[in-house]
Protein backbone atom coordinates (compact mmCIF):
# COMPACT_ATOMS: atom_id res chain seq x y z
CA UNK A 1 -23.81 -3.71 -3.48
CA UNK A 2 -26.84 -5.89 -2.94
CA UNK A 3 -28.01 -6.17 -6.52
CA UNK A 4 -26.91 -6.00 -10.13
CA UNK A 5 -29.21 -2.99 -10.58
CA UNK A 6 -27.58 -1.13 -7.74
CA UNK A 7 -24.10 -1.85 -9.23
CA UNK A 8 -25.03 -0.85 -12.57
CA UNK A 9 -26.54 2.54 -11.42
CA UNK A 10 -23.26 3.29 -9.45
CA UNK A 11 -21.15 2.03 -12.40
CA UNK A 12 -23.05 4.49 -14.62
CA UNK A 13 -22.12 7.31 -12.34
CA UNK A 14 -18.43 6.27 -12.43
CA UNK A 15 -16.49 8.70 -14.62
CA UNK A 16 -13.32 6.33 -15.28
CA UNK A 17 -13.08 3.24 -17.03
CA UNK A 18 -13.65 0.42 -15.08
CA UNK A 19 -10.79 -2.18 -15.30
CA UNK A 20 -12.09 -5.55 -14.63
CA UNK A 21 -8.62 -7.21 -15.38
CA UNK A 22 -5.37 -5.92 -14.06
CA UNK A 23 -1.79 -7.08 -14.55
CA UNK A 24 0.32 -6.22 -11.48
CA UNK A 25 3.06 -4.39 -12.90
CA UNK A 26 5.80 -2.30 -10.81
CA UNK A 27 3.34 0.64 -10.38
CA UNK A 28 0.38 -1.59 -9.13
CA UNK A 29 2.64 -3.57 -6.96
CA UNK A 30 4.25 -0.16 -5.53
CA UNK A 31 0.87 1.11 -4.77
CA UNK A 32 -0.40 -2.06 -3.13
CA UNK A 33 2.63 -1.82 -0.90
CA UNK A 34 1.81 1.80 -0.02
CA UNK A 35 -1.80 0.86 0.81
CA UNK A 36 -0.64 -1.74 3.11
CA UNK A 37 1.61 0.42 4.84
CA UNK A 38 -0.29 3.65 5.15
CA UNK A 39 -3.55 3.38 3.28
CA UNK A 40 -7.26 3.01 4.19
CA UNK A 41 -10.90 3.33 2.82
CA UNK A 42 -12.18 6.84 3.07
CA UNK A 43 -15.57 5.90 1.75
CA UNK A 44 -18.52 8.13 2.29
CA UNK A 45 -22.29 8.17 0.93
CA UNK A 46 -21.48 10.15 -2.30
CA UNK A 47 -18.08 8.23 -2.90
CA UNK A 48 -18.18 4.60 -1.73
CA UNK A 49 -14.92 3.85 -3.59
CA UNK A 50 -12.70 6.45 -1.91
CA UNK A 51 -9.39 5.54 -0.61
CA UNK A 52 -6.43 7.49 1.07
CA UNK A 53 -2.72 7.16 1.55
CA UNK A 54 -1.10 9.12 4.26
CA UNK A 55 2.19 10.44 3.45
CA UNK A 56 4.21 12.06 6.50
CA UNK A 57 6.17 15.45 5.89
CA UNK A 58 9.27 13.30 5.95
CA UNK A 59 8.20 11.51 3.15
CA UNK A 60 6.81 13.95 0.72
CA UNK A 61 9.60 13.34 -1.96
CA UNK A 62 7.67 10.07 -2.64
CA UNK A 63 4.50 12.10 -3.86
CA UNK A 64 5.25 12.25 -7.33
CA UNK A 65 5.94 8.51 -7.60
CA UNK A 66 2.81 7.80 -5.78
CA UNK A 67 0.76 10.15 -7.95
CA UNK A 68 2.35 8.36 -11.33
CA UNK A 69 1.53 5.10 -9.91
CA UNK A 70 -2.14 5.67 -9.18
CA UNK A 71 -2.56 7.52 -12.58
CA UNK A 72 -0.77 4.78 -14.46
CA UNK A 73 -2.46 1.78 -13.10
CA UNK A 74 -5.90 3.01 -12.03
CA UNK A 75 -6.33 6.06 -14.47
CA UNK A 76 -7.96 8.20 -11.73
CA UNK A 77 -7.39 11.72 -10.47
CA UNK A 78 -6.24 12.38 -6.95
CA UNK A 79 -7.13 15.02 -4.31
CA UNK A 80 -4.33 16.23 -2.12
CA UNK A 81 -5.07 17.44 1.47
CA UNK A 82 -2.07 19.09 3.07
CA UNK A 83 -2.15 18.70 6.99
CA UNK A 84 0.19 19.87 9.87
CA UNK A 85 1.91 16.71 9.92
CA UNK A 86 1.17 14.85 6.58
CA UNK A 87 -0.28 15.09 3.15
CA UNK A 88 -3.31 12.81 2.50
CA UNK A 89 -3.86 11.56 -1.09
CA UNK A 90 -7.47 10.78 -1.87
CA UNK A 91 -8.65 8.83 -4.95
CA UNK A 92 -11.86 7.30 -5.94
CA UNK A 93 -11.55 4.01 -7.78
CA UNK A 94 -13.97 1.19 -8.30
CA UNK A 95 -11.15 -0.98 -9.78
CA UNK A 96 -9.05 -0.62 -6.79
CA UNK A 97 -12.09 -1.46 -4.62
CA UNK A 98 -12.39 -4.67 -6.63
CA UNK A 99 -8.80 -5.48 -6.50
CA UNK A 100 -8.70 -5.06 -2.60
CA UNK A 101 -11.82 -7.25 -2.32
CA UNK A 102 -9.99 -9.88 -4.61
CA UNK A 103 -7.01 -9.82 -2.51
CA UNK A 104 -9.04 -9.93 0.67
CA UNK A 105 -7.49 -6.61 1.85
CA UNK A 106 -10.60 -4.55 1.77
CA UNK A 107 -11.70 -3.11 5.03
CA UNK A 108 -8.60 -4.57 6.95
CA UNK A 109 -7.41 -2.74 10.04
CA UNK A 110 -3.57 -2.10 10.34
CA UNK A 111 -3.26 -5.16 12.68
CA UNK A 112 -5.20 -7.44 10.19
CA UNK A 113 -3.12 -6.64 7.01
CA UNK A 114 -0.94 -9.21 5.37
CA UNK A 115 1.19 -9.65 2.16
CA UNK A 116 -1.28 -10.95 -0.63
CA UNK A 117 -0.36 -14.55 -1.82
CA UNK A 118 -0.11 -13.13 -5.41
CA UNK A 119 2.93 -11.04 -4.29
CA UNK A 120 4.95 -14.17 -3.82
CA UNK A 121 4.48 -15.31 -7.29
CA UNK A 122 5.47 -12.05 -9.03
CA UNK A 123 8.85 -11.49 -10.92
CA UNK A 124 11.37 -10.27 -8.51
CA UNK A 125 11.26 -6.55 -9.74
CA UNK A 126 7.71 -6.42 -8.89
CA UNK A 127 8.23 -7.93 -5.55
CA UNK A 128 10.83 -5.22 -5.12
CA UNK A 129 8.33 -2.60 -6.16
CA UNK A 130 5.90 -3.94 -3.50
CA UNK A 131 8.47 -3.82 -0.76
CA UNK A 132 9.52 -0.35 -2.10
CA UNK A 133 5.98 1.01 -1.53
CA UNK A 134 5.52 -0.76 1.88
CA UNK A 135 8.99 0.35 3.28
CA UNK A 136 8.60 3.95 1.86
CA UNK A 137 5.29 4.24 3.47
CA UNK A 138 5.79 3.00 6.95
CA UNK A 139 9.59 1.86 7.17
CA UNK A 140 12.82 3.72 8.09
CA UNK A 141 16.52 3.26 7.50
CA UNK A 142 19.31 3.91 9.83
CA UNK A 143 22.70 4.92 8.47
CA UNK A 144 25.39 5.95 10.88
CA UNK A 145 27.00 4.74 13.97
CA UNK A 146 25.95 3.00 16.91
CA UNK A 147 28.08 2.74 19.90
CA UNK A 148 30.94 4.63 18.10
CA UNK A 149 31.00 1.80 15.50
CA UNK A 150 30.28 2.67 11.78
CA UNK A 151 27.20 0.40 10.63
CA UNK A 152 25.90 -0.43 7.05
CA UNK A 153 22.67 1.03 6.41
CA UNK A 154 19.97 -0.91 8.03
CA UNK A 155 16.09 -1.02 7.00
CA UNK A 156 13.39 -1.58 9.69
CA UNK A 157 9.51 -1.94 9.53
CA UNK A 158 7.36 -1.97 12.36
CA UNK A 159 3.89 -3.56 12.19
CA UNK A 160 1.15 -4.57 14.67
CA UNK A 161 0.06 -7.49 12.35
CA UNK A 162 1.69 -10.62 12.93
CA UNK A 163 0.65 -12.11 9.62
CA UNK A 164 2.04 -9.14 7.83
CA UNK A 165 5.42 -9.68 9.73
CA UNK A 166 5.49 -13.30 8.68
CA UNK A 167 4.54 -12.66 5.16
CA UNK A 168 7.45 -9.95 4.93
CA UNK A 169 9.85 -12.69 6.43
CA UNK A 170 8.91 -15.02 3.78
CA UNK A 171 9.13 -12.44 0.98
CA UNK A 172 12.50 -11.19 2.06
CA UNK A 173 13.82 -14.89 2.17
CA UNK A 174 12.25 -15.44 -1.21
CA UNK A 175 14.59 -12.65 -2.29
CA UNK A 176 17.56 -14.17 -0.46
CA UNK A 177 17.62 -11.77 2.29
CA UNK A 178 17.68 -12.72 5.89
CA UNK A 179 15.84 -10.36 8.10
CA UNK A 180 16.00 -10.38 11.94
CA UNK A 181 12.81 -10.00 13.79
CA UNK A 182 12.11 -8.65 17.14
CA UNK A 183 8.95 -8.40 19.07
CA UNK A 184 7.54 -6.67 21.98
CA UNK A 185 4.42 -6.38 23.79
CA UNK A 186 2.40 -3.06 23.31
CA UNK A 187 1.89 -0.92 26.50
C-alpha cells in the first residue's frame, strides 16, 4: 500500500480485528510450518490478503487441526475448495500478511522459503509445533521393512530450497536430533 490513506481505507473494509502484536504460540507455529510447506499467497484485486494452504487427499485428517489453528491465532473464517487431488483452505488475513512480511516470507517461492530466525528462539514445544506443521504439510514417514530388515519409523522432508534445508538441519540439531541429508540434481 503506497499511502496511509490507502491502508486506512483497506483496513476499514476488513471485517476481522487486525492484530498488530502476535505471540507465537503452538497454533501459530504450526500454521507457519504449514504455510512454509504447502502455503502461498492467493491474493486478488478484491482480497489482497488472501492465502491458501493445500492439503493432499492423504492428509485430510489434519484439516480440523489446521482450521483450529487459523481460527485461534488469526480469528478469521476459512473457505474450503475440494479438488480432485487435494483440498485447498483459503483465508483472508491482514494480520497474517503483516506477519509474513515481518518474517520476510511474503511472496517467497518454494525454492526461496526458509526457517524464520524467530523459530530458533522459541520454546521447544513451539519449535516442535512448527516442525509438525511443516512435516505434516510436505513430509513423509516410512514404517516397515527395507531389504527384508525391520526399520524404525523414519521421517523425510524434501525441499528445493537449500536455505530451508540448512535451517531444518540447524533446528533438528537444536532439538538434539541428527538428521541425514541427501541431495540430487533436478532433471
